[in-house]
């Protein structure tokens, strides 16, 4: 799905998915990326409704120029679900242990 992303957009995706979280991801770069891959609609309260693939999220522009860690988490989830995670990997791998020691998998009873 990244065929139509330019170099700046690919760099922004790499910053969003970098571990540990990159604290230098500028809001203007994120907004440019979101406008290139999805639909961005301004709401009357100043927030932005963003739709990328099956995901819809409402963002508030940060007060400074950089996005915060929670917004990075939301962006990782949204972009990962839409297929923009690097190498097609899921945005946030599910690391929960489901073996509850009773020989059965799933939720404890």
PDB file of N, CA and C in Angstrom:
ATOM      1  N   UNK A   1       0.793  -1.194   0.000  1.00  0.00           N
ATOM      2  CA  UNK A   1       0.000   0.000   0.000  1.00  0.00           C
ATOM      3  C   UNK A   1       0.839   1.264   0.000  1.00  0.00           C
ATOM      4  N   UNK A   2       2.138   1.177   0.135  1.00  0.00           N
ATOM      5  CA  UNK A   2       2.967   2.363   0.242  1.00  0.00           C
ATOM      6  C   UNK A   2       3.444   2.862  -1.109  1.00  0.00           C
ATOM      7  N   UNK A   3       2.944   2.353  -2.221  1.00  0.00           N
ATOM      8  CA  UNK A   3       3.430   2.716  -3.533  1.00  0.00           C
ATOM      9  C   UNK A   3       3.257   4.202  -3.815  1.00  0.00           C
ATOM     10  N   UNK A   4       2.209   4.844  -3.341  1.00  0.00           N
ATOM     11  CA  UNK A   4       1.969   6.248  -3.639  1.00  0.00           C
ATOM     12  C   UNK A   4       2.509   7.199  -2.580  1.00  0.00           C
ATOM     13  N   UNK A   5       3.279   6.708  -1.625  1.00  0.00           N
ATOM     14  CA  UNK A   5       3.873   7.574  -0.615  1.00  0.00           C
ATOM     15  C   UNK A   5       5.202   8.125  -1.121  1.00  0.00           C
ATOM     16  N   UNK A   6       5.416   9.427  -0.926  1.00  0.00           N
ATOM     17  CA  UNK A   6       6.707   9.989  -1.311  1.00  0.00           C
ATOM     18  C   UNK A   6       7.722   9.736  -0.190  1.00  0.00           C
ATOM     19  N   UNK A   7       8.952  10.172  -0.406  1.00  0.00           N
ATOM     20  CA  UNK A   7      10.010   9.911   0.581  1.00  0.00           C
ATOM     21  C   UNK A   7       9.704  10.543   1.932  1.00  0.00           C
ATOM     22  N   UNK A   8       9.125  11.728   1.935  1.00  0.00           N
ATOM     23  CA  UNK A   8       8.799  12.392   3.196  1.00  0.00           C
ATOM     24  C   UNK A   8       7.751  11.595   3.971  1.00  0.00           C
ATOM     25  N   UNK A   9       6.754  11.076   3.265  1.00  0.00           N
ATOM     26  CA  UNK A   9       5.711  10.293   3.919  1.00  0.00           C
ATOM     27  C   UNK A   9       6.283   8.984   4.458  1.00  0.00           C
ATOM     28  N   UNK A  10       7.156   8.337   3.687  1.00  0.00           N
ATOM     29  CA  UNK A  10       7.777   7.091   4.168  1.00  0.00           C
ATOM     30  C   UNK A  10       8.631   7.358   5.408  1.00  0.00           C
ATOM     31  N   UNK A  11       9.335   8.487   5.437  1.00  0.00           N
ATOM     32  CA  UNK A  11      10.129   8.848   6.619  1.00  0.00           C
ATOM     33  C   UNK A  11       9.232   9.072   7.830  1.00  0.00           C
ATOM     34  N   UNK A  12       8.078   9.695   7.609  1.00  0.00           N
ATOM     35  CA  UNK A  12       7.145   9.938   8.713  1.00  0.00           C
ATOM     36  C   UNK A  12       6.606   8.623   9.254  1.00  0.00           C
ATOM     37  N   UNK A  13       6.256   7.689   8.364  1.00  0.00           N
ATOM     38  CA  UNK A  13       5.790   6.365   8.809  1.00  0.00           C
ATOM     39  C   UNK A  13       6.883   5.677   9.623  1.00  0.00           C
ATOM     40  N   UNK A  14       8.125   5.751   9.168  1.00  0.00           N
ATOM     41  CA  UNK A  14       9.236   5.129   9.905  1.00  0.00           C
ATOM     42  C   UNK A  14       9.383   5.755  11.290  1.00  0.00           C
ATOM     43  N   UNK A  15       9.234   7.075  11.405  1.00  0.00           N
ATOM     44  CA  UNK A  15       9.321   7.730  12.710  1.00  0.00           C
ATOM     45  C   UNK A  15       8.180   7.291  13.622  1.00  0.00           C
ATOM     46  N   UNK A  16       6.987   7.171  13.061  1.00  0.00           N
ATOM     47  CA  UNK A  16       5.826   6.783  13.867  1.00  0.00           C
ATOM     48  C   UNK A  16       6.009   5.384  14.439  1.00  0.00           C
ATOM     49  N   UNK A  17       6.553   4.466  13.636  1.00  0.00           N
ATOM     50  CA  UNK A  17       6.689   3.079  14.077  1.00  0.00           C
ATOM     51  C   UNK A  17       8.025   2.773  14.746  1.00  0.00           C
ATOM     52  N   UNK A  18       8.898   3.773  14.926  1.00  0.00           N
ATOM     53  CA  UNK A  18      10.203   3.500  15.529  1.00  0.00           C
ATOM     54  C   UNK A  18      10.029   3.162  17.011  1.00  0.00           C
ATOM     55  N   UNK A  19      10.909   2.292  17.489  1.00  0.00           N
ATOM     56  CA  UNK A  19      10.922   1.911  18.900  1.00  0.00           C
ATOM     57  C   UNK A  19      12.300   2.195  19.447  1.00  0.00           C
ATOM     58  N   UNK A  20      12.465   2.895  20.533  1.00  0.00           N
ATOM     59  CA  UNK A  20      11.423   3.528  21.331  1.00  0.00           C
ATOM     60  C   UNK A  20      10.780   4.671  20.557  1.00  0.00           C
ATOM     61  N   UNK A  21       9.670   5.150  21.080  1.00  0.00           N
ATOM     62  CA  UNK A  21       8.897   6.182  20.389  1.00  0.00           C
ATOM     63  C   UNK A  21       9.759   7.407  20.107  1.00  0.00           C
ATOM     64  N   UNK A  22       9.725   7.849  18.863  1.00  0.00           N
ATOM     65  CA  UNK A  22      10.469   9.022  18.442  1.00  0.00           C
ATOM     66  C   UNK A  22       9.731  10.272  18.924  1.00  0.00           C
ATOM     67  N   UNK A  23      10.389  11.113  19.644  1.00  0.00           N
ATOM     68  CA  UNK A  23       9.745  12.318  20.191  1.00  0.00           C
ATOM     69  C   UNK A  23       9.829  13.505  19.238  1.00  0.00           C
ATOM     70  N   UNK A  24      10.356  13.296  18.045  1.00  0.00           N
ATOM     71  CA  UNK A  24      10.525  14.387  17.088  1.00  0.00           C
ATOM     72  C   UNK A  24       9.665  14.194  15.856  1.00  0.00           C
ATOM     73  N   UNK A  25       8.434  13.748  16.029  1.00  0.00           N
ATOM     74  CA  UNK A  25       7.513  13.599  14.908  1.00  0.00           C
ATOM     75  C   UNK A  25       6.650  14.854  14.882  1.00  0.00           C
ATOM     76  N   UNK A  26       6.811  15.644  13.825  1.00  0.00           N
ATOM     77  CA  UNK A  26       6.097  16.911  13.749  1.00  0.00           C
ATOM     78  C   UNK A  26       4.665  16.707  13.271  1.00  0.00           C
ATOM     79  N   UNK A  27       3.753  17.477  13.848  1.00  0.00           N
ATOM     80  CA  UNK A  27       2.341  17.397  13.506  1.00  0.00           C
ATOM     81  C   UNK A  27       2.115  17.688  12.019  1.00  0.00           C
ATOM     82  N   UNK A  28       2.836  18.660  11.456  1.00  0.00           N
ATOM     83  CA  UNK A  28       2.634  18.998  10.044  1.00  0.00           C
ATOM     84  C   UNK A  28       3.005  17.825   9.134  1.00  0.00           C
ATOM     85  N   UNK A  29       4.018  17.041   9.527  1.00  0.00           N
ATOM     86  CA  UNK A  29       4.407  15.859   8.755  1.00  0.00           C
ATOM     87  C   UNK A  29       3.328  14.780   8.855  1.00  0.00           C
ATOM     88  N   UNK A  30       2.788  14.589  10.058  1.00  0.00           N
ATOM     89  CA  UNK A  30       1.723  13.601  10.268  1.00  0.00           C
ATOM     90  C   UNK A  30       0.486  13.991   9.476  1.00  0.00           C
ATOM     91  N   UNK A  31       0.121  15.261   9.535  1.00  0.00           N
ATOM     92  CA  UNK A  31      -1.052  15.737   8.814  1.00  0.00           C
ATOM     93  C   UNK A  31      -0.882  15.565   7.307  1.00  0.00           C
ATOM     94  N   UNK A  32       0.292  15.844   6.787  1.00  0.00           N
ATOM     95  CA  UNK A  32       0.563  15.649   5.366  1.00  0.00           C
ATOM     96  C   UNK A  32       0.416  14.182   4.976  1.00  0.00           C
ATOM     97  N   UNK A  33       0.940  13.286   5.817  1.00  0.00           N
ATOM     98  CA  UNK A  33       0.819  11.845   5.573  1.00  0.00           C
ATOM     99  C   UNK A  33      -0.642  11.420   5.566  1.00  0.00           C
ATOM    100  N   UNK A  34      -1.393  11.843   6.585  1.00  0.00           N
ATOM    101  CA  UNK A  34      -2.797  11.446   6.694  1.00  0.00           C
ATOM    102  C   UNK A  34      -3.620  11.967   5.520  1.00  0.00           C
ATOM    103  N   UNK A  35      -3.339  13.165   5.052  1.00  0.00           N
ATOM    104  CA  UNK A  35      -4.053  13.709   3.898  1.00  0.00           C
ATOM    105  C   UNK A  35      -3.714  12.942   2.623  1.00  0.00           C
ATOM    106  N   UNK A  36      -2.487  12.391   2.552  1.00  0.00           N
ATOM    107  CA  UNK A  36      -2.072  11.648   1.364  1.00  0.00           C
ATOM    108  C   UNK A  36      -2.701  10.254   1.303  1.00  0.00           C
ATOM    109  N   UNK A  37      -2.958   9.650   2.461  1.00  0.00           N
ATOM    110  CA  UNK A  37      -3.436   8.263   2.453  1.00  0.00           C
ATOM    111  C   UNK A  37      -4.885   8.105   2.878  1.00  0.00           C
ATOM    112  N   UNK A  38      -5.497   9.169   3.376  1.00  0.00           N
ATOM    113  CA  UNK A  38      -6.861   9.033   3.877  1.00  0.00           C
ATOM    114  C   UNK A  38      -7.670  10.295   3.663  1.00  0.00           C
ATOM    115  N   UNK A  39      -8.729  10.389   4.429  1.00  0.00           N
ATOM    116  CA  UNK A  39      -9.615  11.540   4.374  1.00  0.00           C
ATOM    117  C   UNK A  39      -9.517  12.290   5.693  1.00  0.00           C
ATOM    118  N   UNK A  40      -9.229  13.587   5.611  1.00  0.00           N
ATOM    119  CA  UNK A  40      -9.113  14.426   6.795  1.00  0.00           C
ATOM    120  C   UNK A  40     -10.199  15.488   6.706  1.00  0.00           C
ATOM    121  N   UNK A  41     -11.070  15.525   7.722  1.00  0.00           N
ATOM    122  CA  UNK A  41     -12.172  16.474   7.746  1.00  0.00           C
ATOM    123  C   UNK A  41     -12.092  17.306   9.007  1.00  0.00           C
ATOM    124  N   UNK A  42     -12.086  18.630   8.835  1.00  0.00           N
ATOM    125  CA  UNK A  42     -12.087  19.524   9.986  1.00  0.00           C
ATOM    126  C   UNK A  42     -13.468  19.580  10.614  1.00  0.00           C
ATOM    127  N   UNK A  43     -13.523  19.529  11.928  1.00  0.00           N
ATOM    128  CA  UNK A  43     -14.794  19.618  12.650  1.00  0.00           C
ATOM    129  C   UNK A  43     -14.939  21.035  13.209  1.00  0.00           C
ATOM    130  N   UNK A  44     -16.141  21.388  13.606  1.00  0.00           N
ATOM    131  CA  UNK A  44     -16.424  22.739  14.089  1.00  0.00           C
ATOM    132  C   UNK A  44     -15.686  23.084  15.377  1.00  0.00           C
ATOM    133  N   UNK A  45     -15.270  22.078  16.142  1.00  0.00           N
ATOM    134  CA  UNK A  45     -14.569  22.336  17.401  1.00  0.00           C
ATOM    135  C   UNK A  45     -13.049  22.378  17.237  1.00  0.00           C
ATOM    136  N   UNK A  46     -12.581  22.376  15.991  1.00  0.00           N
ATOM    137  CA  UNK A  46     -11.150  22.457  15.725  1.00  0.00           C
ATOM    138  C   UNK A  46     -10.455  21.118  15.646  1.00  0.00           C
ATOM    139  N   UNK A  47     -11.150  20.049  15.941  1.00  0.00           N
ATOM    140  CA  UNK A  47     -10.561  18.715  15.862  1.00  0.00           C
ATOM    141  C   UNK A  47     -10.617  18.222  14.422  1.00  0.00           C
ATOM    142  N   UNK A  48      -9.837  17.203  14.136  1.00  0.00           N
ATOM    143  CA  UNK A  48      -9.798  16.627  12.796  1.00  0.00           C
ATOM    144  C   UNK A  48     -10.277  15.189  12.845  1.00  0.00           C
ATOM    145  N   UNK A  49     -11.215  14.844  11.998  1.00  0.00           N
ATOM    146  CA  UNK A  49     -11.661  13.457  11.869  1.00  0.00           C
ATOM    147  C   UNK A  49     -10.897  12.848  10.701  1.00  0.00           C
ATOM    148  N   UNK A  50     -10.172  11.777  10.990  1.00  0.00           N
ATOM    149  CA  UNK A  50      -9.308  11.143  10.004  1.00  0.00           C
ATOM    150  C   UNK A  50      -9.797   9.734   9.744  1.00  0.00           C
ATOM    151  N   UNK A  51      -9.953   9.383   8.468  1.00  0.00           N
ATOM    152  CA  UNK A  51     -10.322   8.036   8.076  1.00  0.00           C
ATOM    153  C   UNK A  51      -9.230   7.494   7.172  1.00  0.00           C
ATOM    154  N   UNK A  52      -8.641   6.366   7.586  1.00  0.00           N
ATOM    155  CA  UNK A  52      -7.625   5.678   6.795  1.00  0.00           C
ATOM    156  C   UNK A  52      -8.036   4.221   6.740  1.00  0.00           C
ATOM    157  N   UNK A  53      -8.385   3.753   5.557  1.00  0.00           N
ATOM    158  CA  UNK A  53      -8.861   2.379   5.425  1.00  0.00           C
ATOM    159  C   UNK A  53     -10.083   2.180   6.292  1.00  0.00           C
ATOM    160  N   UNK A  54     -10.114   1.118   7.093  1.00  0.00           N
ATOM    161  CA  UNK A  54     -11.278   0.849   7.942  1.00  0.00           C
ATOM    162  C   UNK A  54     -11.270   1.638   9.251  1.00  0.00           C
ATOM    163  N   UNK A  55     -10.207   2.370   9.512  1.00  0.00           N
ATOM    164  CA  UNK A  55     -10.032   3.050  10.793  1.00  0.00           C
ATOM    165  C   UNK A  55     -10.478   4.507  10.730  1.00  0.00           C
ATOM    166  N   UNK A  56     -11.141   4.960  11.786  1.00  0.00           N
ATOM    167  CA  UNK A  56     -11.542   6.359  11.923  1.00  0.00           C
ATOM    168  C   UNK A  56     -11.123   6.829  13.307  1.00  0.00           C
ATOM    169  N   UNK A  57     -10.517   7.993  13.351  1.00  0.00           N
ATOM    170  CA  UNK A  57     -10.009   8.547  14.608  1.00  0.00           C
ATOM    171  C   UNK A  57     -10.219  10.057  14.582  1.00  0.00           C
ATOM    172  N   UNK A  58     -10.429  10.642  15.749  1.00  0.00           N
ATOM    173  CA  UNK A  58     -10.532  12.094  15.875  1.00  0.00           C
ATOM    174  C   UNK A  58      -9.292  12.573  16.618  1.00  0.00           C
ATOM    175  N   UNK A  59      -8.564  13.480  15.993  1.00  0.00           N
ATOM    176  CA  UNK A  59      -7.337  14.010  16.572  1.00  0.00           C
ATOM    177  C   UNK A  59      -7.495  15.481  16.903  1.00  0.00           C
ATOM    178  N   UNK A  60      -6.829  15.885  17.962  1.00  0.00           N
ATOM    179  CA  UNK A  60      -6.713  17.287  18.311  1.00  0.00           C
ATOM    180  C   UNK A  60      -5.280  17.697  18.008  1.00  0.00           C
ATOM    181  N   UNK A  61      -5.115  18.788  17.283  1.00  0.00           N
ATOM    182  CA  UNK A  61      -3.768  19.250  16.954  1.00  0.00           C
ATOM    183  C   UNK A  61      -3.016  19.564  18.251  1.00  0.00           C
ATOM    184  N   UNK A  62      -1.763  19.109  18.352  1.00  0.00           N
ATOM    185  CA  UNK A  62      -0.998  19.380  19.574  1.00  0.00           C
ATOM    186  C   UNK A  62      -0.691  20.867  19.713  1.00  0.00           C
ATOM    187  N   UNK A  63      -0.451  21.302  20.936  1.00  0.00           N
ATOM    188  CA  UNK A  63      -0.142  22.710  21.189  1.00  0.00           C
ATOM    189  C   UNK A  63       1.237  23.086  20.644  1.00  0.00           C
ATOM    190  N   UNK A  64       2.174  22.157  20.709  1.00  0.00           N
ATOM    191  CA  UNK A  64       3.511  22.381  20.161  1.00  0.00           C
ATOM    192  C   UNK A  64       3.592  21.837  18.749  1.00  0.00           C
ATOM    193  N   UNK A  65       4.804  21.753  18.234  1.00  0.00           N
ATOM    194  CA  UNK A  65       4.949  21.264  16.870  1.00  0.00           C
ATOM    195  C   UNK A  65       5.018  19.734  16.783  1.00  0.00           C
ATOM    196  N   UNK A  66       5.366  19.060  17.889  1.00  0.00           N
ATOM    197  CA  UNK A  66       5.522  17.607  17.879  1.00  0.00           C
ATOM    198  C   UNK A  66       4.307  16.913  18.487  1.00  0.00           C
ATOM    199  N   UNK A  67       4.038  15.697  17.996  1.00  0.00           N
ATOM    200  CA  UNK A  67       2.926  14.911  18.543  1.00  0.00           C
ATOM    201  C   UNK A  67       3.392  14.225  19.820  1.00  0.00           C
ATOM    202  N   UNK A  68       2.440  13.895  20.698  1.00  0.00           N
ATOM    203  CA  UNK A  68       2.788  13.231  21.955  1.00  0.00           C
ATOM    204  C   UNK A  68       2.765  11.715  21.771  1.00  0.00           C
ATOM    205  N   UNK A  69       3.175  11.019  22.820  1.00  0.00           N
ATOM    206  CA  UNK A  69       3.298   9.564  22.760  1.00  0.00           C
ATOM    207  C   UNK A  69       1.938   8.895  22.540  1.00  0.00           C
ATOM    208  N   UNK A  70       0.877   9.391  23.177  1.00  0.00           N
ATOM    209  CA  UNK A  70      -0.443   8.788  22.994  1.00  0.00           C
ATOM    210  C   UNK A  70      -0.907   8.912  21.550  1.00  0.00           C
ATOM    211  N   UNK A  71      -0.630  10.030  20.913  1.00  0.00           N
ATOM    212  CA  UNK A  71      -1.008  10.176  19.517  1.00  0.00           C
ATOM    213  C   UNK A  71      -0.212   9.213  18.648  1.00  0.00           C
ATOM    214  N   UNK A  72       1.056   8.976  18.995  1.00  0.00           N
ATOM    215  CA  UNK A  72       1.851   7.994  18.247  1.00  0.00           C
ATOM    216  C   UNK A  72       1.236   6.600  18.369  1.00  0.00           C
ATOM    217  N   UNK A  73       0.778   6.249  19.564  1.00  0.00           N
ATOM    218  CA  UNK A  73       0.136   4.949  19.770  1.00  0.00           C
ATOM    219  C   UNK A  73      -1.118   4.841  18.902  1.00  0.00           C
ATOM    220  N   UNK A  74      -1.941   5.889  18.896  1.00  0.00           N
ATOM    221  CA  UNK A  74      -3.154   5.894  18.076  1.00  0.00           C
ATOM    222  C   UNK A  74      -2.824   5.818  16.587  1.00  0.00           C
ATOM    223  N   UNK A  75      -1.784   6.536  16.173  1.00  0.00           N
ATOM    224  CA  UNK A  75      -1.384   6.510  14.765  1.00  0.00           C
ATOM    225  C   UNK A  75      -0.852   5.135  14.368  1.00  0.00           C
ATOM    226  N   UNK A  76      -0.074   4.500  15.246  1.00  0.00           N
ATOM    227  CA  UNK A  76       0.440   3.154  14.951  1.00  0.00           C
ATOM    228  C   UNK A  76      -0.707   2.176  14.734  1.00  0.00           C
ATOM    229  N   UNK A  77      -1.700   2.237  15.625  1.00  0.00           N
ATOM    230  CA  UNK A  77      -2.838   1.340  15.495  1.00  0.00           C
ATOM    231  C   UNK A  77      -3.583   1.604  14.190  1.00  0.00           C
ATOM    232  N   UNK A  78      -3.862   2.857  13.928  1.00  0.00           N
ATOM    233  CA  UNK A  78      -4.625   3.224  12.741  1.00  0.00           C
ATOM    234  C   UNK A  78      -3.881   2.840  11.457  1.00  0.00           C
ATOM    235  N   UNK A  79      -2.622   3.206  11.372  1.00  0.00           N
ATOM    236  CA  UNK A  79      -1.851   2.913  10.163  1.00  0.00           C
ATOM    237  C   UNK A  79      -1.598   1.418   9.998  1.00  0.00           C
ATOM    238  N   UNK A  80      -1.375   0.727  11.114  1.00  0.00           N
ATOM    239  CA  UNK A  80      -1.165  -0.725  11.049  1.00  0.00           C
ATOM    240  C   UNK A  80      -2.393  -1.450  10.552  1.00  0.00           C
ATOM    241  N   UNK A  81      -3.569  -1.070  11.041  1.00  0.00           N
ATOM    242  CA  UNK A  81      -4.812  -1.695  10.606  1.00  0.00           C
ATOM    243  C   UNK A  81      -5.106  -1.405   9.142  1.00  0.00           C
ATOM    244  N   UNK A  82      -4.626  -0.264   8.649  1.00  0.00           N
ATOM    245  CA  UNK A  82      -4.849   0.108   7.252  1.00  0.00           C
ATOM    246  C   UNK A  82      -3.772  -0.464   6.332  1.00  0.00           C
ATOM    247  N   UNK A  83      -2.781  -1.175   6.895  1.00  0.00           N
ATOM    248  CA  UNK A  83      -1.758  -1.821   6.079  1.00  0.00           C
ATOM    249  C   UNK A  83      -0.533  -0.972   5.815  1.00  0.00           C
ATOM    250  N   UNK A  84      -0.295   0.057   6.597  1.00  0.00           N
ATOM    251  CA  UNK A  84       0.854   0.929   6.397  1.00  0.00           C
ATOM    252  C   UNK A  84       1.985   0.668   7.376  1.00  0.00           C
ATOM    253  N   UNK A  85       1.903  -0.387   8.161  1.00  0.00           N
ATOM    254  CA  UNK A  85       3.005  -0.717   9.066  1.00  0.00           C
ATOM    255  C   UNK A  85       4.194  -1.180   8.233  1.00  0.00           C
ATOM    256  N   UNK A  86       5.411  -0.879   8.676  1.00  0.00           N
ATOM    257  CA  UNK A  86       6.592  -1.336   7.937  1.00  0.00           C
ATOM    258  C   UNK A  86       6.580  -2.856   7.761  1.00  0.00           C
ATOM    259  N   UNK A  87       6.878  -3.303   6.578  1.00  0.00           N
ATOM    260  CA  UNK A  87       6.943  -4.731   6.243  1.00  0.00           C
ATOM    261  C   UNK A  87       5.619  -5.450   6.456  1.00  0.00           C
ATOM    262  N   UNK A  88       4.521  -4.734   6.513  1.00  0.00           N
ATOM    263  CA  UNK A  88       3.213  -5.349   6.678  1.00  0.00           C
ATOM    264  C   UNK A  88       2.988  -5.949   8.047  1.00  0.00           C
ATOM    265  N   UNK A  89       3.887  -5.650   8.994  1.00  0.00           N
ATOM    266  CA  UNK A  89       3.752  -6.193  10.351  1.00  0.00           C
ATOM    267  C   UNK A  89       2.616  -5.486  11.071  1.00  0.00           C
ATOM    268  N   UNK A  90       1.982  -6.160  12.022  1.00  0.00           N
ATOM    269  CA  UNK A  90       0.947  -5.477  12.783  1.00  0.00           C
ATOM    270  C   UNK A  90       1.537  -4.307  13.558  1.00  0.00           C
ATOM    271  N   UNK A  91       0.734  -3.270  13.756  1.00  0.00           N
ATOM    272  CA  UNK A  91       1.215  -2.061  14.415  1.00  0.00           C
ATOM    273  C   UNK A  91       1.673  -2.345  15.839  1.00  0.00           C
ATOM    274  N   UNK A  92       0.862  -3.013  16.596  1.00  0.00           N
ATOM    275  CA  UNK A  92       1.195  -3.343  17.981  1.00  0.00           C
ATOM    276  C   UNK A  92       0.964  -4.840  18.147  1.00  0.00           C
ATOM    277  N   UNK A  93       2.052  -5.616  18.204  1.00  0.00           N
ATOM    278  CA  UNK A  93       1.852  -7.054  18.319  1.00  0.00           C
ATOM    279  C   UNK A  93       1.167  -7.418  19.627  1.00  0.00           C
ATOM    280  N   UNK A  94       0.343  -8.442  19.575  1.00  0.00           N
ATOM    281  CA  UNK A  94      -0.385  -8.905  20.748  1.00  0.00           C
ATOM    282  C   UNK A  94       0.555  -9.783  21.566  1.00  0.00           C
ATOM    283  N   UNK A  95       1.035  -9.269  22.695  1.00  0.00           N
ATOM    284  CA  UNK A  95       2.010  -9.978  23.518  1.00  0.00           C
ATOM    285  C   UNK A  95       1.402 -10.607  24.765  1.00  0.00           C
ATOM    286  N   UNK A  96       0.069 -10.588  24.845  1.00  0.00           N
ATOM    287  CA  UNK A  96      -0.564 -11.150  26.039  1.00  0.00           C
ATOM    288  C   UNK A  96      -0.385 -12.666  26.079  1.00  0.00           C
ATOM    289  N   UNK A  97      -0.120 -13.168  27.272  1.00  0.00           N
ATOM    290  CA  UNK A  97       0.029 -14.604  27.482  1.00  0.00           C
ATOM    291  C   UNK A  97      -1.354 -15.189  27.733  1.00  0.00           C
ATOM    292  N   UNK A  98      -1.674 -16.237  26.992  1.00  0.00           N
ATOM    293  CA  UNK A  98      -3.003 -16.827  27.136  1.00  0.00           C
ATOM    294  C   UNK A  98      -2.968 -18.200  27.794  1.00  0.00           C
ATOM    295  N   UNK A  99      -1.792 -18.636  28.212  1.00  0.00           N
ATOM    296  CA  UNK A  99      -1.687 -19.895  28.931  1.00  0.00           C
ATOM    297  C   UNK A  99      -1.833 -19.574  30.413  1.00  0.00           C
ATOM    298  N   UNK A 100      -2.946 -19.979  30.993  1.00  0.00           N
ATOM    299  CA  UNK A 100      -3.237 -19.643  32.379  1.00  0.00           C
ATOM    300  C   UNK A 100      -2.826 -20.741  33.352  1.00  0.00           C
ATOM    301  N   UNK A 101      -1.989 -21.647  32.908  1.00  0.00           N
ATOM    302  CA  UNK A 101      -1.450 -22.665  33.777  1.00  0.00           C
ATOM    303  C   UNK A 101      -2.369 -23.835  34.046  1.00  0.00           C
ATOM    304  N   UNK A 102      -3.560 -23.833  33.486  1.00  0.00           N
ATOM    305  CA  UNK A 102      -4.477 -24.928  33.745  1.00  0.00           C
ATOM    306  C   UNK A 102      -4.581 -25.872  32.543  1.00  0.00           C
ATOM    307  N   UNK A 103      -3.660 -25.707  31.574  1.00  0.00           N
ATOM    308  CA  UNK A 103      -3.664 -26.577  30.404  1.00  0.00           C
ATOM    309  C   UNK A 103      -4.671 -26.154  29.347  1.00  0.00           C
ATOM    310  N   UNK A 104      -5.366 -25.074  29.589  1.00  0.00           N
ATOM    311  CA  UNK A 104      -6.334 -24.593  28.622  1.00  0.00           C
ATOM    312  C   UNK A 104      -5.933 -23.175  28.192  1.00  0.00           C
ATOM    313  N   UNK A 105      -6.236 -22.868  26.951  1.00  0.00           N
ATOM    314  CA  UNK A 105      -5.919 -21.565  26.417  1.00  0.00           C
ATOM    315  C   UNK A 105      -7.187 -20.722  26.385  1.00  0.00           C
ATOM    316  N   UNK A 106      -7.017 -19.445  26.554  1.00  0.00           N
ATOM    317  CA  UNK A 106      -8.145 -18.545  26.503  1.00  0.00           C
ATOM    318  C   UNK A 106      -8.331 -17.841  27.813  1.00  0.00           C
ATOM    319  N   UNK A 107      -9.481 -17.269  27.977  1.00  0.00           N
ATOM    320  CA  UNK A 107      -9.784 -16.514  29.183  1.00  0.00           C
ATOM    321  C   UNK A 107      -9.939 -17.470  30.362  1.00  0.00           C
ATOM    322  N   UNK A 108      -9.429 -17.082  31.550  1.00  0.00           N
ATOM    323  CA  UNK A 108      -9.591 -17.936  32.722  1.00  0.00           C
ATOM    324  C   UNK A 108     -11.054 -18.060  33.111  1.00  0.00           C
ATOM    325  N   UNK A 109     -11.391 -19.214  33.641  1.00  0.00           N
ATOM    326  CA  UNK A 109     -12.791 -19.454  34.033  1.00  0.00           C
ATOM    327  C   UNK A 109     -12.942 -19.372  35.525  1.00  0.00           C
TER     328      UNK A 109
END
